[in-house]
């Protein structure tokens, strides 16, 4: 099968992904083999490629996978041949530690990430445990469904962790793949949304999707915000978000890594008045299972830019440059 292989850490501008022929993996007893139709392109891949996130090398990246079940392990009971399934960032967890027992499998010390610790979706086929795959609602095309598996699910987790309530004002810092899905959920929940983005094109998309106000991170919004989610890969947005957060408000950092450190924070001006900062670490299976039917009901329609598998480096370079509108998706056909 064709697959994009990452063998060494490198700036993405060096185009380190190499298209190669590798054997099609064979499913074990409880695993399914999935023929991949589409795989979303995520900022996490930039963190992996450029060394901000530890991973197993060589590796096939990609964790927003949509495809159809091609073959079954001998003990599979949950899926049949031809079922359309999705695979997300959570590839496996131990199921036995206290975090797994407390419905916090995203914090499991043996957490395995798809495309990080096990081969992922920048390829024509992938294997995964039947317990870590999800049926995909018919409403979505393959390309529309792909970003729901991470950009959507992790954004949904961040939205829940923010504590936002209907009628309140939510600030979104950065407006890429995840935020452009989150705004659609927040509008469905009848929230007012302010979007902070350096990109004029992204701000226009935010307005199209219902933002009540848009500006840059350093701009002053019309009012304080009740909650905020920071999707940006830079640390500088954190003090800007705290500055416009109301007393007792919570800022959620919905990224795995920041490219640079968070600047020193003036406690009295930015953190006092019981403001909170909370990180998002991975997702649970429950996040994906809850989010996918909600996305179909709303319905959420992601904006996608499609690329061929052999264009993966180019898609990631555009993502780093902030030139992707909505989400980038690799098509295997």
Protein backbone atom coordinates (compact mmCIF):
# COMPACT_ATOMS: atom_id res chain seq x y z
CA UNK A 1 0.00 0.00 0.00
CA UNK A 2 0.99 3.65 -0.39
CA UNK A 3 1.81 5.54 2.80
CA UNK A 4 3.49 8.78 3.82
CA UNK A 5 6.33 7.88 6.20
CA UNK A 6 7.96 10.19 8.75
CA UNK A 7 11.44 8.91 9.59
CA UNK A 8 13.07 11.93 11.22
CA UNK A 9 12.22 15.15 13.03
CA UNK A 10 12.44 18.16 10.74
CA UNK A 11 10.84 21.52 9.98
CA UNK A 12 7.88 20.85 7.71
CA UNK A 13 9.37 23.21 5.12
CA UNK A 14 11.94 20.46 4.42
CA UNK A 15 9.07 18.19 3.30
CA UNK A 16 10.11 15.27 5.52
CA UNK A 17 7.16 12.98 4.69
CA UNK A 18 8.19 10.38 2.11
CA UNK A 19 5.68 8.45 -0.01
CA UNK A 20 6.54 4.75 0.10
CA UNK A 21 5.17 1.27 -0.53
CA UNK A 22 4.74 -0.73 2.69
CA UNK A 23 2.88 -3.99 3.48
CA UNK A 24 -0.84 -3.84 4.19
CA UNK A 25 -1.23 -4.52 7.95
CA UNK A 26 -3.11 -7.62 9.03
CA UNK A 27 -5.76 -7.38 11.78
CA UNK A 28 -5.33 -9.33 15.01
CA UNK A 29 -8.21 -11.12 16.71
CA UNK A 30 -10.07 -8.01 17.96
CA UNK A 31 -8.92 -5.66 15.22
CA UNK A 32 -10.42 -4.44 11.95
CA UNK A 33 -8.60 -3.55 8.74
CA UNK A 34 -9.90 -0.27 7.33
CA UNK A 35 -9.47 0.84 3.72
CA UNK A 36 -9.00 4.57 4.12
CA UNK A 37 -11.00 7.03 2.03
CA UNK A 38 -9.95 10.28 3.72
CA UNK A 39 -7.75 11.51 6.56
CA UNK A 40 -7.82 14.98 8.08
CA UNK A 41 -4.66 17.05 8.49
CA UNK A 42 -4.16 18.35 12.04
CA UNK A 43 -1.84 20.79 13.85
CA UNK A 44 -0.79 17.84 16.00
CA UNK A 45 1.02 16.43 12.95
CA UNK A 46 3.11 19.61 12.86
CA UNK A 47 3.98 19.09 16.54
CA UNK A 48 5.02 15.52 15.76
CA UNK A 49 7.04 16.36 12.64
CA UNK A 50 8.84 19.31 14.22
CA UNK A 51 9.65 17.56 17.50
CA UNK A 52 7.33 19.21 20.01
CA UNK A 53 5.58 15.90 20.66
CA UNK A 54 7.38 12.61 21.25
CA UNK A 55 6.44 9.84 18.85
CA UNK A 56 7.56 6.46 17.60
CA UNK A 57 9.71 6.65 14.45
CA UNK A 58 9.31 5.70 11.69
CA UNK A 59 5.58 6.34 11.73
CA UNK A 60 2.57 6.90 9.49
CA UNK A 61 0.89 10.06 10.79
CA UNK A 62 -2.82 10.92 10.76
CA UNK A 63 -5.64 10.51 13.26
CA UNK A 64 -8.80 11.84 11.57
CA UNK A 65 -9.50 8.69 9.57
CA UNK A 66 -12.58 7.74 7.57
CA UNK A 67 -12.83 4.47 5.67
CA UNK A 68 -14.64 1.18 5.25
CA UNK A 69 -14.01 -2.10 7.00
CA UNK A 70 -12.06 -4.33 4.61
CA UNK A 71 -11.49 -7.39 6.81
CA UNK A 72 -12.14 -8.59 10.36
CA UNK A 73 -10.08 -10.25 13.04
CA UNK A 74 -11.34 -13.63 14.19
CA UNK A 75 -13.04 -12.24 17.35
CA UNK A 76 -14.57 -9.02 16.01
CA UNK A 77 -18.29 -8.61 16.82
CA UNK A 78 -19.00 -4.87 16.54
CA UNK A 79 -18.52 -4.27 12.80
CA UNK A 80 -19.13 -5.95 9.48
CA UNK A 81 -17.39 -5.81 6.14
CA UNK A 82 -18.21 -2.56 4.37
CA UNK A 83 -19.18 -0.56 7.47
CA UNK A 84 -18.03 3.07 7.27
CA UNK A 85 -16.00 3.87 10.37
CA UNK A 86 -13.87 6.60 11.84
CA UNK A 87 -10.69 6.40 13.88
CA UNK A 88 -9.67 9.27 16.17
CA UNK A 89 -6.60 10.34 18.18
CA UNK A 90 -7.20 7.77 20.92
CA UNK A 91 -5.84 4.50 19.50
CA UNK A 92 -5.86 2.58 22.81
CA UNK A 93 -5.81 2.85 26.61
CA UNK A 94 -5.14 0.19 29.22
CA UNK A 95 -8.68 0.04 30.65
CA UNK A 96 -7.34 -0.90 34.08
CA UNK A 97 -5.66 2.14 35.66
CA UNK A 98 -7.51 4.56 37.95
CA UNK A 99 -7.91 7.07 35.14
CA UNK A 100 -9.56 4.53 32.86
CA UNK A 101 -11.75 3.35 35.73
CA UNK A 102 -12.83 6.96 36.38
CA UNK A 103 -13.82 7.64 32.73
CA UNK A 104 -10.59 9.60 32.17
CA UNK A 105 -8.93 7.24 29.70
CA UNK A 106 -7.43 10.27 27.95
CA UNK A 107 -5.08 10.54 30.96
CA UNK A 108 -4.13 6.84 30.96
CA UNK A 109 -0.34 6.42 31.43
CA UNK A 110 -0.43 3.84 28.63
CA UNK A 111 -2.47 6.07 26.27
CA UNK A 112 -1.58 5.40 22.64
CA UNK A 113 -2.17 8.04 19.98
CA UNK A 114 -3.13 7.16 16.42
CA UNK A 115 -0.38 8.28 14.07
CA UNK A 116 1.91 8.88 17.05
CA UNK A 117 2.47 5.55 18.79
CA UNK A 118 0.77 3.40 16.13
CA UNK A 119 0.51 3.89 12.37
CA UNK A 120 -2.30 6.20 11.33
CA UNK A 121 -4.20 7.48 8.33
CA UNK A 122 -1.72 9.02 5.89
CA UNK A 123 -2.00 5.71 4.04
CA UNK A 124 -4.37 3.48 2.12
CA UNK A 125 -5.04 1.05 4.99
CA UNK A 126 -4.88 0.98 8.79
CA UNK A 127 -5.70 -1.49 11.56
CA UNK A 128 -7.33 -0.63 14.88
CA UNK A 129 -9.09 -2.38 17.74
CA UNK A 130 -12.83 -2.62 17.16
CA UNK A 131 -13.25 -0.87 20.53
CA UNK A 132 -11.60 2.29 19.21
CA UNK A 133 -13.55 2.80 15.98
CA UNK A 134 -16.86 4.59 15.45
CA UNK A 135 -19.70 4.30 12.96
CA UNK A 136 -20.01 7.48 10.88
CA UNK A 137 -23.43 9.11 10.30
CA UNK A 138 -24.61 8.95 6.69
CA UNK A 139 -25.18 12.71 6.58
CA UNK A 140 -21.48 13.43 6.02
CA UNK A 141 -19.25 12.80 3.05
CA UNK A 142 -15.90 11.17 3.81
CA UNK A 143 -14.09 14.51 3.61
CA UNK A 144 -16.66 16.27 5.80
CA UNK A 145 -16.52 13.51 8.41
CA UNK A 146 -12.72 13.36 8.73
CA UNK A 147 -12.18 16.60 10.73
CA UNK A 148 -15.01 15.66 13.08
CA UNK A 149 -12.78 12.90 14.52
CA UNK A 150 -10.28 15.32 16.09
CA UNK A 151 -10.91 18.97 15.27
CA UNK A 152 -14.55 18.34 16.13
CA UNK A 153 -14.18 15.94 19.04
CA UNK A 154 -11.35 17.80 20.79
CA UNK A 155 -13.16 21.10 20.21
CA UNK A 156 -16.31 19.59 21.69
CA UNK A 157 -14.34 18.45 24.73
CA UNK A 158 -12.89 21.94 25.09
CA UNK A 159 -16.35 23.46 24.81
CA UNK A 160 -17.66 21.20 27.58
CA UNK A 161 -14.64 21.92 29.79
CA UNK A 162 -15.12 25.67 29.34
CA UNK A 163 -18.39 25.48 31.27
CA UNK A 164 -20.16 27.75 28.76
CA UNK A 165 -23.92 28.08 29.24
CA UNK A 166 -26.65 29.04 26.73
CA UNK A 167 -26.83 32.79 26.27
CA UNK A 168 -23.27 33.42 27.48
CA UNK A 169 -20.41 34.89 25.46
CA UNK A 170 -17.64 32.58 24.25
CA UNK A 171 -14.28 33.76 22.94
CA UNK A 172 -12.46 31.64 20.35
CA UNK A 173 -8.78 32.42 19.87
CA UNK A 174 -7.60 31.10 16.51
CA UNK A 175 -10.07 30.02 13.86
CA UNK A 176 -8.82 26.92 12.14
CA UNK A 177 -10.24 23.44 11.73
CA UNK A 178 -11.40 22.98 15.32
CA UNK A 179 -12.77 26.47 16.00
CA UNK A 180 -14.81 26.56 12.79
CA UNK A 181 -16.61 23.43 14.03
CA UNK A 182 -16.93 24.61 17.64
CA UNK A 183 -18.63 27.84 16.57
CA UNK A 184 -21.38 25.78 14.95
CA UNK A 185 -21.99 23.87 18.20
CA UNK A 186 -21.90 27.06 20.28
CA UNK A 187 -24.41 28.74 17.96
CA UNK A 188 -26.64 25.68 18.32
CA UNK A 189 -26.37 26.17 22.09
CA UNK A 190 -27.46 29.82 21.59
CA UNK A 191 -24.17 31.35 22.70
CA UNK A 192 -22.74 34.65 21.50
CA UNK A 193 -19.31 34.12 19.93
CA UNK A 194 -16.38 36.50 19.60
CA UNK A 195 -13.54 35.28 17.36
CA UNK A 196 -9.94 36.46 17.65
CA UNK A 197 -7.71 35.63 14.67
CA UNK A 198 -4.71 37.16 12.90
CA UNK A 199 -6.12 36.03 9.53
CA UNK A 200 -8.56 38.30 7.73
CA UNK A 201 -9.81 35.31 5.71
CA UNK A 202 -10.44 33.32 8.89
CA UNK A 203 -12.32 36.26 10.43
CA UNK A 204 -14.54 36.43 7.33
CA UNK A 205 -15.29 32.72 7.66
CA UNK A 206 -16.12 33.26 11.35
CA UNK A 207 -18.57 36.01 10.43
CA UNK A 208 -20.13 33.77 7.78
CA UNK A 209 -20.61 31.08 10.44
CA UNK A 210 -22.28 33.47 12.89
CA UNK A 211 -19.64 35.23 14.99
CA UNK A 212 -21.10 38.33 16.66
CA UNK A 213 -17.71 40.10 16.53
CA UNK A 214 -14.26 39.36 15.11
CA UNK A 215 -10.85 40.91 15.65
CA UNK A 216 -7.22 40.16 16.35
CA UNK A 217 -6.05 38.70 19.68
CA UNK A 218 -4.86 42.09 20.89
CA UNK A 219 -8.10 43.90 19.98
CA UNK A 220 -10.69 44.98 22.53
CA UNK A 221 -14.04 43.17 22.09
CA UNK A 222 -17.39 44.90 22.78
CA UNK A 223 -17.67 43.22 26.20
CA UNK A 224 -15.91 40.78 28.48
CA UNK A 225 -16.30 37.09 27.65
CA UNK A 226 -17.63 34.45 30.02
CA UNK A 227 -15.40 31.63 28.75
CA UNK A 228 -12.66 31.27 26.17
CA UNK A 229 -10.99 28.51 24.18
CA UNK A 230 -7.49 29.03 22.80
CA UNK A 231 -6.76 26.94 19.70
CA UNK A 232 -3.63 28.80 18.65
CA UNK A 233 -0.17 27.18 18.55
CA UNK A 234 1.52 30.21 20.17
CA UNK A 235 1.83 31.22 23.83
CA UNK A 236 1.25 34.94 23.29
CA UNK A 237 -2.53 34.53 23.04
CA UNK A 238 -2.91 33.38 26.66
CA UNK A 239 -2.49 36.81 28.35
CA UNK A 240 -4.70 38.40 25.68
CA UNK A 241 -7.46 35.90 26.44
CA UNK A 242 -7.16 36.35 30.21
CA UNK A 243 -7.31 40.13 29.79
CA UNK A 244 -10.83 39.99 28.31
CA UNK A 245 -12.13 37.15 30.48
CA UNK A 246 -14.71 38.09 33.10
CA UNK A 247 -14.29 37.39 36.84
CA UNK A 248 -14.53 33.68 37.55
CA UNK A 249 -14.16 32.86 33.85
CA UNK A 250 -12.26 29.89 32.46
CA UNK A 251 -9.75 29.77 29.62
CA UNK A 252 -9.35 26.34 28.00
CA UNK A 253 -6.17 25.57 26.06
CA UNK A 254 -7.30 23.15 23.34
CA UNK A 255 -3.87 22.34 21.93
CA UNK A 256 -1.40 19.56 22.67
CA UNK A 257 1.67 21.80 22.40
CA UNK A 258 2.50 25.48 22.01
CA UNK A 259 5.38 26.37 19.70
CA UNK A 260 6.77 28.79 22.28
CA UNK A 261 6.37 29.52 26.01
CA UNK A 262 3.46 31.37 27.55
CA UNK A 263 4.71 34.86 28.53
CA UNK A 264 4.93 35.76 32.24
CA UNK A 265 1.47 36.49 33.61
CA UNK A 266 0.76 39.43 35.91
CA UNK A 267 -1.24 37.74 38.65
CA UNK A 268 -3.17 40.81 39.81
CA UNK A 269 -4.16 41.96 36.35
CA UNK A 270 -4.71 38.64 34.56
CA UNK A 271 -5.35 35.78 36.99
CA UNK A 272 -6.90 37.26 40.09
CA UNK A 273 -10.70 37.26 40.56
CA UNK A 274 -10.77 33.45 40.41
CA UNK A 275 -10.01 33.16 36.71
CA UNK A 276 -8.93 29.69 35.61
CA UNK A 277 -6.71 28.13 32.96
CA UNK A 278 -7.48 24.51 32.02
CA UNK A 279 -5.74 22.34 29.46
CA UNK A 280 -7.26 19.68 27.22
CA UNK A 281 -5.33 16.42 27.14
CA UNK A 282 -6.37 14.07 24.34
CA UNK A 283 -9.94 12.81 23.98
CA UNK A 284 -11.92 9.87 25.31
CA UNK A 285 -14.00 7.50 23.21
CA UNK A 286 -17.06 9.02 24.85
CA UNK A 287 -16.18 12.43 23.36
CA UNK A 288 -16.33 11.00 19.83
CA UNK A 289 -19.39 8.86 20.54
CA UNK A 290 -21.32 11.85 21.92
CA UNK A 291 -20.14 14.35 19.34
CA UNK A 292 -20.77 12.46 16.08
CA UNK A 293 -24.58 12.16 16.45
CA UNK A 294 -24.78 15.75 17.73
CA UNK A 295 -22.83 16.92 14.67
CA UNK A 296 -25.32 15.09 12.45
CA UNK A 297 -28.32 16.57 14.25
CA UNK A 298 -27.17 20.21 14.12
CA UNK A 299 -25.94 19.55 11.34
CA UNK A 300 -22.31 20.66 11.35
CA UNK A 301 -20.87 21.00 7.86
CA UNK A 302 -17.08 21.43 7.98
CA UNK A 303 -15.38 23.54 5.32
CA UNK A 304 -12.67 21.38 3.77
CA UNK A 305 -9.79 21.74 1.34
CA UNK A 306 -8.90 18.43 -0.29
CA UNK A 307 -5.39 17.24 -1.15
CA UNK A 308 -4.02 14.03 -2.63
CA UNK A 309 -1.98 11.67 -0.45
CA UNK A 310 1.22 12.67 -2.24
CA UNK A 311 0.50 16.33 -1.38
CA UNK A 312 0.65 15.80 2.39
CA UNK A 313 3.79 17.93 2.89
CA UNK A 314 2.23 20.81 0.95
CA UNK A 315 -0.99 20.62 2.96
CA UNK A 316 0.95 20.77 6.23
CA UNK A 317 3.04 23.73 5.05
CA UNK A 318 -0.15 25.63 4.20
CA UNK A 319 -1.59 24.68 7.59
CA UNK A 320 1.48 26.06 9.37
CA UNK A 321 1.20 29.27 7.35
CA UNK A 322 -2.44 29.70 8.36
CA UNK A 323 -3.61 29.40 4.76
CA UNK A 324 -6.14 26.59 5.19
CA UNK A 325 -9.77 27.69 5.28
CA UNK A 326 -11.55 25.29 7.63
CA UNK A 327 -9.86 21.88 7.54
CA UNK A 328 -7.40 20.18 5.21
CA UNK A 329 -8.19 16.58 4.20
CA UNK A 330 -6.13 13.99 2.32
CA UNK A 331 -8.13 11.92 -0.16
CA UNK A 332 -6.79 8.46 -0.90
CA UNK A 333 -8.56 8.12 -4.25
